[in-house]
Protein backbone atom coordinates (compact mmCIF):
# COMPACT_ATOMS: atom_id res chain seq x y z
CA MET A 1 -24.74 12.09 15.62
CA GLU A 2 -25.41 9.00 17.75
CA ASP A 3 -27.50 6.67 15.77
CA ARG A 4 -31.19 6.59 17.97
CA LEU A 5 -31.16 9.79 16.83
CA LYS A 6 -29.89 9.47 13.08
CA GLU A 7 -32.26 6.88 13.14
CA LYS A 8 -35.10 9.43 14.32
CA LEU A 9 -34.51 11.85 11.41
CA GLU A 10 -34.62 9.06 8.75
CA ILE A 11 -37.79 8.72 10.03
CA LEU A 12 -39.76 11.74 11.28
CA ALA A 13 -37.91 13.87 7.82
CA ASP A 14 -39.25 10.86 5.39
CA ALA A 15 -42.46 11.35 7.32
CA ALA A 16 -42.29 15.01 6.77
CA LYS A 17 -41.56 15.48 2.87
CA TYR A 18 -45.61 15.30 1.89
CA ASP A 19 -46.27 18.41 3.81
CA VAL A 20 -44.81 21.04 0.13
CA SER A 21 -45.80 24.35 1.88
CA CYS A 22 -42.50 25.38 3.28
CA SER A 23 -41.51 28.30 1.18
CA SER A 24 -39.44 30.64 3.45
CA SER A 25 -40.58 34.11 1.64
CA GLY A 26 -41.77 37.54 3.09
CA SER A 27 -39.88 37.34 6.39
CA ASN A 28 -37.23 40.66 7.41
CA ARG A 29 -35.88 39.41 11.15
CA VAL A 30 -33.03 40.43 11.12
CA ASN A 31 -29.91 39.23 13.54
CA LYS A 32 -28.67 42.18 15.30
CA GLY A 33 -25.18 40.58 15.60
CA LYS A 34 -25.01 38.62 18.83
CA GLY A 35 -27.07 35.23 17.22
CA LEU A 36 -27.69 33.05 15.17
CA GLY A 37 -28.98 33.36 10.94
CA ASN A 38 -30.78 35.94 9.42
CA THR A 39 -33.96 35.45 7.68
CA GLY A 40 -33.77 37.68 4.77
CA ALA A 41 -35.55 34.34 2.60
CA GLY A 42 -35.89 31.87 4.76
CA ILE A 43 -32.62 19.17 4.75
CA CYS A 44 -35.60 20.49 2.33
CA HIS A 45 -34.75 23.10 -0.28
CA THR A 46 -37.47 26.18 -1.40
CA TYR A 47 -37.92 28.86 -3.39
CA THR A 48 -38.03 32.39 -2.31
CA GLU A 49 -40.03 35.51 -3.80
CA ASP A 50 -37.01 36.85 -5.88
CA GLY A 51 -36.35 32.89 -6.89
CA ARG A 52 -33.01 32.01 -4.29
CA CYS A 53 -32.88 28.16 -3.58
CA VAL A 54 -32.48 28.14 0.82
CA SER A 55 -31.75 24.45 2.70
CA LEU A 56 -34.28 24.01 5.83
CA LEU A 57 -34.10 21.67 8.09
CA LYS A 58 -37.72 20.28 7.29
CA ILE A 59 -39.04 17.00 10.18
CA LEU A 60 -41.94 16.06 12.12
CA LEU A 61 -42.15 16.42 16.11
CA THR A 62 -43.47 12.76 15.55
CA ASN A 63 -45.40 11.01 13.26
CA HIS A 64 -47.81 9.39 16.77
CA CYS A 65 -51.02 10.72 15.70
CA ILE A 66 -54.37 9.79 17.31
CA PHE A 67 -56.08 9.86 13.53
CA ASP A 68 -56.99 7.58 10.51
CA CYS A 69 -57.12 10.31 7.83
CA ALA A 70 -56.87 7.37 4.65
CA TYR A 71 -54.81 9.93 2.91
CA CYS A 72 -52.24 10.05 5.32
CA VAL A 73 -48.47 7.57 5.91
CA SER A 74 -48.41 8.92 9.69
CA ARG A 75 -52.05 7.48 10.31
CA LYS A 76 -52.82 4.92 13.88
CA SER A 77 -54.04 2.43 11.11
CA ASN A 78 -50.67 2.62 9.63
CA ASP A 79 -47.71 -0.35 10.13
CA ILE A 80 -44.65 1.99 10.16
CA LYS A 81 -41.45 2.52 12.24
CA ARG A 82 -43.18 5.30 14.30
CA ALA A 83 -40.72 8.11 16.42
CA ALA A 84 -40.74 11.27 18.42
CA PHE A 85 -37.87 14.13 18.90
CA THR A 86 -37.93 15.56 22.47
CA VAL A 87 -38.14 19.67 22.36
CA ARG A 88 -33.85 19.22 22.75
CA GLU A 89 -33.20 17.11 20.11
CA VAL A 90 -34.97 19.44 17.89
CA VAL A 91 -33.24 22.87 19.34
CA ASP A 92 -29.82 20.70 19.32
CA LEU A 93 -30.51 19.41 15.67
CA THR A 94 -31.34 23.11 14.09
CA VAL A 95 -28.51 24.85 16.06
CA ALA A 96 -25.74 22.26 15.04
CA PHE A 97 -27.08 21.82 11.83
CA TYR A 98 -27.23 26.00 11.39
CA ARG A 99 -23.32 26.50 12.09
CA ARG A 100 -22.43 23.43 10.06
CA ASN A 101 -24.62 26.18 6.84
CA TYR A 102 -27.10 22.71 6.17
CA ILE A 103 -29.70 25.11 6.50
CA GLU A 104 -31.05 28.63 6.69
CA GLY A 105 -34.12 27.59 8.84
CA LEU A 106 -36.69 24.96 10.01
CA PHE A 107 -39.69 23.43 9.24
CA LEU A 108 -41.63 22.48 12.00
CA SER A 109 -44.87 19.97 11.63
CA SER A 110 -46.34 17.28 14.01
CA GLY A 111 -48.34 14.20 14.03
CA ILE A 112 -51.28 15.08 17.20
CA PHE A 113 -50.65 12.84 19.87
CA LYS A 114 -52.81 13.31 23.31
CA ASP A 115 -54.39 16.41 22.00
CA ALA A 116 -53.70 19.61 19.35
CA ASP A 117 -52.73 21.80 22.11
CA TYR A 118 -50.46 19.51 23.83
CA THR A 119 -49.07 18.82 20.81
CA MET A 120 -49.22 22.92 19.68
CA GLU A 121 -47.24 23.74 23.29
CA ARG A 122 -44.60 21.29 22.12
CA LEU A 123 -44.05 23.55 18.36
CA ILE A 124 -43.96 26.53 20.20
CA LEU A 125 -41.49 25.43 22.72
CA VAL A 126 -39.18 23.98 20.20
CA ALA A 127 -39.48 27.76 18.66
CA LYS A 128 -38.96 29.52 21.81
CA THR A 129 -36.25 28.01 23.02
CA LEU A 130 -34.40 28.38 19.95
CA ARG A 131 -35.31 32.72 19.80
CA GLN A 132 -34.61 32.81 23.17
CA GLN A 133 -32.06 30.57 24.65
CA HIS A 134 -29.96 30.61 21.34
CA ALA A 135 -30.52 34.05 19.47
CA PHE A 136 -31.51 32.33 16.72
CA ASN A 137 -32.91 34.56 13.85
CA GLY A 138 -33.24 32.04 11.09
CA TYR A 139 -36.02 31.07 9.87
CA ILE A 140 -39.05 29.35 11.35
CA HIS A 141 -42.30 27.43 10.21
CA LEU A 142 -44.57 26.31 12.36
CA LYS A 143 -47.52 24.27 11.64
CA THR A 144 -50.50 24.82 13.68
CA ILE A 145 -52.25 22.18 14.76
CA PRO A 146 -56.13 22.43 13.99
CA GLY A 147 -58.09 22.16 17.45
CA ALA A 148 -55.33 24.34 19.19
CA SER A 149 -56.46 27.09 21.51
CA PRO A 150 -56.51 30.39 20.21
CA GLU A 151 -53.44 31.50 23.22
CA LEU A 152 -51.33 28.82 22.21
CA ILE A 153 -51.90 29.95 17.97
CA HIS A 154 -51.05 33.79 19.35
CA ALA A 155 -47.84 32.62 21.25
CA ALA A 156 -46.61 30.22 18.01
CA GLY A 157 -47.12 33.71 15.69
CA LEU A 158 -44.91 35.58 18.18
CA TYR A 159 -41.57 33.02 17.53
CA ALA A 160 -42.35 31.94 14.35
CA ASP A 161 -41.54 33.79 10.93
CA ARG A 162 -44.46 31.38 9.18
CA LEU A 163 -47.82 29.68 10.40
CA SER A 164 -50.26 27.49 8.18
CA VAL A 165 -52.08 25.23 8.78
CA ASN A 166 -53.71 22.07 6.18
CA LEU A 167 -56.85 22.49 4.71
CA GLU A 168 -55.90 18.63 3.58
CA ILE A 169 -58.74 17.90 1.64
CA PRO A 170 -60.60 20.85 -0.76
CA THR A 171 -63.98 20.01 0.03
CA GLU A 172 -66.20 19.55 3.30
CA SER A 173 -67.57 16.29 1.87
CA GLY A 174 -64.42 14.58 0.66
CA LEU A 175 -62.51 15.05 4.22
CA LYS A 176 -65.41 13.97 5.87
CA LEU A 177 -65.20 10.58 3.77
CA LEU A 178 -61.32 10.29 4.13
CA ALA A 179 -60.99 11.83 7.68
CA PRO A 180 -64.41 11.82 9.92
CA GLU A 181 -62.24 12.32 12.82
CA LYS A 182 -61.61 15.75 11.71
CA ASN A 183 -63.67 18.97 12.15
CA ARG A 184 -63.52 21.63 8.84
CA LYS A 185 -63.94 24.46 11.60
CA ASP A 186 -61.05 23.18 13.22
CA MET A 187 -58.92 23.79 10.22
CA ILE A 188 -60.91 26.82 9.49
CA THR A 189 -61.21 28.59 13.40
CA PRO A 190 -57.68 29.46 13.47
CA ILE A 191 -57.25 30.21 9.84
CA ALA A 192 -59.78 33.67 10.66
CA TYR A 193 -57.66 33.86 14.00
CA LEU A 194 -55.20 34.32 12.18
CA LYS A 195 -56.19 36.93 9.46
CA GLU A 196 -57.46 38.55 12.15
CA GLN A 197 -54.03 38.67 14.17
CA LEU A 198 -52.19 39.55 11.14
CA GLU A 199 -54.43 42.74 10.24
CA LYS A 200 -53.92 43.57 14.14
CA THR A 201 -50.16 43.65 14.04
CA GLU A 202 -50.58 45.33 10.83
CA ASP A 203 -52.11 48.14 12.45
CA GLU A 204 -49.90 48.26 15.22
CA LYS A 205 -47.26 48.57 13.46
CA ARG A 206 -47.74 52.01 11.15
CA ARG A 207 -48.73 53.55 14.93
CA PHE A 208 -45.56 52.00 16.99
CA LYS A 209 -42.16 51.77 15.80
CA TYR A 210 -41.52 48.65 18.03
CA ALA A 211 -45.17 46.53 17.91
CA PRO A 212 -43.80 42.86 18.42
CA HIS A 213 -43.39 40.85 15.31
CA PHE A 214 -46.26 38.37 14.84
CA ALA A 215 -45.94 35.84 11.65
CA PRO A 216 -44.38 38.52 9.98
CA ALA A 217 -44.38 35.92 6.34
CA GLY A 218 -48.18 35.66 7.63
CA GLN A 219 -49.55 32.01 7.24
CA SER A 220 -50.40 29.41 3.90
CA THR A 221 -52.02 26.55 3.75
CA GLN A 222 -52.36 23.18 1.59
CA MET A 223 -54.47 20.81 0.35
CA ILE A 224 -54.32 17.52 -1.47
CA ILE A 225 -54.91 17.06 -4.60
CA GLY A 226 -56.36 13.24 -6.16
CA ALA A 227 -57.26 11.86 -3.46
CA THR A 228 -60.72 12.66 -3.61
CA GLY A 229 -62.10 13.54 -7.47
CA GLU A 230 -62.73 17.54 -6.91
CA SER A 231 -61.81 18.59 -10.21
CA ASP A 232 -59.56 22.36 -10.68
CA LYS A 233 -62.70 24.26 -10.59
CA GLN A 234 -63.49 23.00 -6.84
CA ILE A 235 -59.97 23.25 -6.24
CA ILE A 236 -59.26 26.84 -7.68
CA SER A 237 -62.46 27.92 -6.11
CA VAL A 238 -61.50 26.83 -2.26
CA ALA A 239 -57.94 28.62 -3.12
CA ASP A 240 -59.67 31.99 -4.39
CA HIS A 241 -62.12 32.04 -1.34
CA PHE A 242 -58.50 32.15 1.15
CA TYR A 243 -56.91 34.59 -0.33
CA THR A 244 -60.08 36.58 -0.55
CA ARG A 245 -61.23 36.85 2.74
CA PHE A 246 -58.62 35.38 4.85
CA LYS A 247 -55.95 37.26 2.66
CA MET A 248 -53.73 33.71 2.36
CA LYS A 249 -49.89 34.45 1.92
CA ARG A 250 -49.61 30.78 -0.22
CA VAL A 251 -52.07 27.86 -1.40
CA TYR A 252 -50.75 25.10 -2.15
CA TYR A 253 -51.47 21.95 -4.19
CA SER A 254 -49.81 18.56 -3.75
CA GLY A 255 -50.81 15.33 -5.74
CA TYR A 256 -51.72 12.20 -3.62
CA VAL A 257 -48.58 9.55 -3.56
CA PRO A 258 -50.86 6.58 -3.08
CA ILE A 259 -49.79 5.07 0.76
CA SER A 260 -52.84 2.44 0.95
CA ASN A 261 -55.23 0.32 0.03
CA ASP A 262 -57.80 2.10 2.06
CA ARG A 263 -61.66 1.72 0.03
CA ARG A 264 -62.17 5.15 1.08
CA LEU A 265 -59.70 6.61 -1.61
CA PRO A 266 -59.96 6.69 -5.24
CA GLY A 267 -58.42 3.22 -7.61
CA MET A 268 -55.06 4.98 -8.35
CA GLU A 269 -52.09 2.96 -9.35
CA THR A 270 -49.75 6.27 -9.94
CA THR A 271 -49.20 9.36 -8.49
CA VAL A 272 -51.09 12.50 -9.32
CA PRO A 273 -49.11 13.86 -12.69
CA VAL A 274 -46.83 16.35 -11.67
CA VAL A 275 -47.91 18.20 -14.52
CA ARG A 276 -51.52 18.99 -13.04
CA GLU A 277 -49.58 20.54 -9.78
CA ASN A 278 -48.06 22.82 -12.10
CA ARG A 279 -51.18 23.79 -13.53
CA LEU A 280 -53.04 24.52 -10.06
CA TYR A 281 -50.09 26.29 -9.26
CA GLN A 282 -49.87 28.84 -12.83
CA THR A 283 -53.71 29.28 -12.15
CA ASP A 284 -53.01 30.66 -8.96
CA TRP A 285 -49.60 32.52 -10.03
CA LEU A 286 -52.25 34.19 -12.59
CA MET A 287 -55.33 35.19 -10.17
CA ARG A 288 -52.07 36.87 -7.35
CA PHE A 289 -50.00 38.78 -10.09
CA TYR A 290 -51.54 38.70 -13.53
CA GLY A 291 -55.63 40.18 -12.53
CA PHE A 292 -57.25 37.33 -13.36
CA GLN A 293 -60.88 35.92 -11.50
CA ALA A 294 -60.74 32.21 -10.90
CA GLU A 295 -63.60 32.39 -12.81
CA GLU A 296 -62.37 32.95 -16.40
CA ILE A 297 -60.07 30.54 -15.60
CA VAL A 298 -61.81 27.61 -14.74
CA ASN A 299 -65.86 27.58 -14.68
CA ASP A 300 -68.52 25.41 -15.47
CA GLN A 301 -68.03 24.89 -19.03
CA TYR A 302 -64.35 23.89 -18.41
CA PRO A 303 -64.01 22.24 -14.54
CA PHE A 304 -60.85 21.05 -15.94
CA LEU A 305 -57.42 22.50 -17.20
CA ASP A 306 -55.66 21.73 -19.67
CA LEU A 307 -52.92 20.00 -19.10
CA ASP A 308 -51.07 20.32 -22.95
CA ILE A 309 -50.65 24.00 -22.35
CA ASP A 310 -50.56 26.41 -19.60
CA PRO A 311 -53.77 28.15 -18.33
CA LYS A 312 -52.59 31.36 -19.85
CA LEU A 313 -52.43 30.27 -23.16
CA GLY A 314 -55.41 28.63 -22.19
CA TRP A 315 -57.86 31.62 -21.87
CA ALA A 316 -55.77 33.18 -25.22
CA LEU A 317 -57.05 30.41 -26.93
CA ARG A 318 -60.96 30.54 -25.58
CA ASN A 319 -60.76 34.61 -25.85
CA MET A 320 -59.45 35.34 -29.61
CA HIS A 321 -61.68 38.25 -29.17
CA VAL A 322 -58.61 40.00 -27.04
CA PHE A 323 -56.73 39.85 -29.57
CA PRO A 324 -54.13 41.06 -31.32
CA VAL A 325 -53.08 43.02 -28.68
CA ASP A 326 -51.38 46.32 -29.52
CA ILE A 327 -48.60 46.42 -27.46
CA ASN A 328 -47.75 49.70 -28.21
CA SER A 329 -51.12 51.38 -26.64
CA ALA A 330 -53.25 48.60 -24.84
CA ASP A 331 -53.25 48.74 -21.54
CA TYR A 332 -50.83 47.92 -19.03
CA SER A 333 -53.61 44.72 -17.60
CA LEU A 334 -53.99 44.16 -20.95
CA ILE A 335 -50.41 43.24 -21.94
CA LEU A 336 -50.32 40.83 -18.45
CA ARG A 337 -52.49 38.86 -20.83
CA VAL A 338 -50.66 38.21 -23.93
CA PRO A 339 -49.10 34.17 -23.51
CA GLY A 340 -45.40 34.70 -23.30
CA VAL A 341 -45.57 38.51 -21.60
CA GLY A 342 -44.71 37.95 -17.87
CA VAL A 343 -45.02 40.81 -15.15
CA ALA A 344 -41.78 42.40 -15.58
CA SER A 345 -41.63 41.90 -19.46
CA ALA A 346 -45.28 44.48 -19.40
CA LYS A 347 -43.71 46.56 -16.89
CA LYS A 348 -40.91 47.01 -19.13
CA ILE A 349 -43.15 47.69 -21.90
CA VAL A 350 -45.05 50.33 -20.60
CA ALA A 351 -41.82 52.34 -19.31
CA ALA A 352 -40.38 51.89 -22.57
CA ARG A 353 -43.16 52.89 -24.80
CA THR A 354 -42.60 56.69 -23.29
CA PHE A 355 -39.55 56.69 -25.49
CA GLY A 356 -40.67 55.49 -28.85
CA SER A 357 -43.11 52.51 -30.47
CA LEU A 358 -42.03 49.17 -29.91
CA ASP A 359 -40.75 46.19 -32.35
CA LEU A 360 -40.09 42.28 -31.88
CA HIS A 361 -36.51 43.57 -31.72
CA ALA A 362 -37.23 45.09 -29.12
CA LEU A 363 -39.51 43.07 -26.66
CA LYS A 364 -37.33 40.84 -27.17
CA LYS A 365 -34.78 42.65 -25.49
CA ILE A 366 -37.27 43.16 -22.94
CA GLY A 367 -37.95 39.63 -21.95
CA VAL A 368 -41.11 38.45 -23.84
CA ALA A 369 -41.35 34.90 -25.52
CA ILE A 370 -41.56 36.39 -28.67
CA ASN A 371 -42.36 32.55 -30.48
CA ARG A 372 -45.13 32.40 -28.15
CA ALA A 373 -46.46 35.80 -27.96
CA LYS A 374 -46.11 36.95 -31.97
CA TYR A 375 -49.32 35.03 -32.79
CA PHE A 376 -51.21 37.41 -30.53
CA ILE A 377 -49.76 41.12 -30.75
CA ILE A 378 -49.37 43.88 -32.92
CA CYS A 379 -46.17 46.27 -32.47
CA ARG A 380 -44.25 48.30 -35.11
CA GLY A 381 -43.76 46.32 -38.34
CA TYR A 382 -45.49 43.70 -37.15
CA ARG A 383 -49.18 42.12 -37.74
CA HIS A 384 -49.40 38.07 -37.69
CA SER A 385 -52.36 36.51 -39.61
CA PHE A 386 -52.66 34.15 -37.14
CA CYS A 387 -54.58 36.68 -34.90
CA GLU A 388 -57.06 35.55 -37.13
CA LYS A 389 -56.97 31.73 -37.09
CA GLN A 390 -58.80 28.82 -35.42
CA PRO A 391 -57.98 28.57 -31.81
CA GLU A 392 -57.18 24.85 -32.27
CA ARG A 393 -55.12 25.24 -35.63
CA LEU A 394 -52.86 27.53 -33.11
CA LYS A 395 -52.85 25.32 -30.61
CA HIS A 396 -51.48 22.49 -32.02
CA ILE A 397 -48.94 24.98 -33.68
CA LEU A 398 -47.51 25.72 -30.53
CA LEU A 399 -47.96 22.50 -29.18
CA GLY A 400 -45.30 21.33 -32.18
CA LYS A 401 -43.03 23.64 -31.21
CA SER A 402 -43.76 23.09 -27.57
CA GLN A 403 -40.45 21.04 -25.78
CA SER A 404 -42.50 20.93 -22.27
CA LYS A 405 -40.53 18.19 -19.44
CA PHE A 406 -43.68 17.72 -18.95
CA ARG A 407 -45.56 16.08 -22.11
CA LYS A 408 -44.73 12.58 -20.89
CA ASP A 409 -47.49 13.40 -18.05
CA LEU A 410 -50.90 13.89 -19.97
CA THR A 411 -52.11 10.23 -19.73
CA TYR A 412 -53.96 11.65 -16.60
CA GLN A 413 -58.13 11.40 -16.87
CA PRO A 414 -59.74 13.85 -14.26
CA THR A 415 -62.79 12.24 -12.84
CA LEU A 416 -65.52 14.19 -11.30
CA PHE A 417 -66.36 13.54 -8.08
């Protein structure tokens, strides 16, 4: 690789690291035998829904930008090295890296240069060239540029497996403070358009066998956490709104990394602790797969997640009247709410108990985390007295048994915006 291209790659790969919404799940683009790659899953590492690790070439097309967002390293007022790939350079890098088995796909974003449509056209041209000229069947994730025309967004969906529009800041007031040149409507409009197109494509696929692909892995978004002082309740409420109204595939949470001394930013000396991101993702998981409502986990009484314990355990300790749960008779939905019981384990419990009542040994073989679940359940030959004890005492006991890798991060003190 020539030195000039290598320098561009170093600059634009480093600039792309702040975007975490690069999961490669949900697409099934198949190689018919004449091209490059398969998208049975999706140089960054990301994970599919079944837990496999895949590698993506994760870069910006350029870090030049016409906007001056206080939280962004690529903002126009920041004194950094600037670079820009040509369309051909991105295509050649993707193909070359794939042939060397370095990557399984491409995650391509960009600063906005000239205007939204001009930038979006070039992102699309990269994907179109890969698909049509190189028969590339690997995973492609394109960032949709807020303010781009619907025609361009539609064209992007024909070539990309996933599209995403970043909300950036959870609330409109926070966005106005840190990025006054941006308009929240420019972010919502393409998200709404993508939702309509994805629903239309689903309908066409039911009626026509060979309906064209349109972003088969759906759409996602990302919010920066900690650049403004939103509570976890505000953040989760926004995520819940986009899941329910726009059928978002994923919402990603990225802890703010201090990159400047802009007076609009909070006085943060350290980055947002990883444990806060982790708790938000756990809450997100509970809403999507465990049947929890957002307000059950964070509400006016509990606007911030407890960083000491996971949100499922937090809910359980606040609702001890629900427990103990009889594993051999409770509904699947209630078993899911027992700390230490996952989705797979809950399904196995419901299936296994049709052949006989279950005891602790059977639950352990199924995969239940007995050291946690035993305080909240009844099963054959077992009932734990701690089900009737005070929540704070039980929390203390469970924390004493915890070896969480996040414990060192628990010095973070959130403040309301």
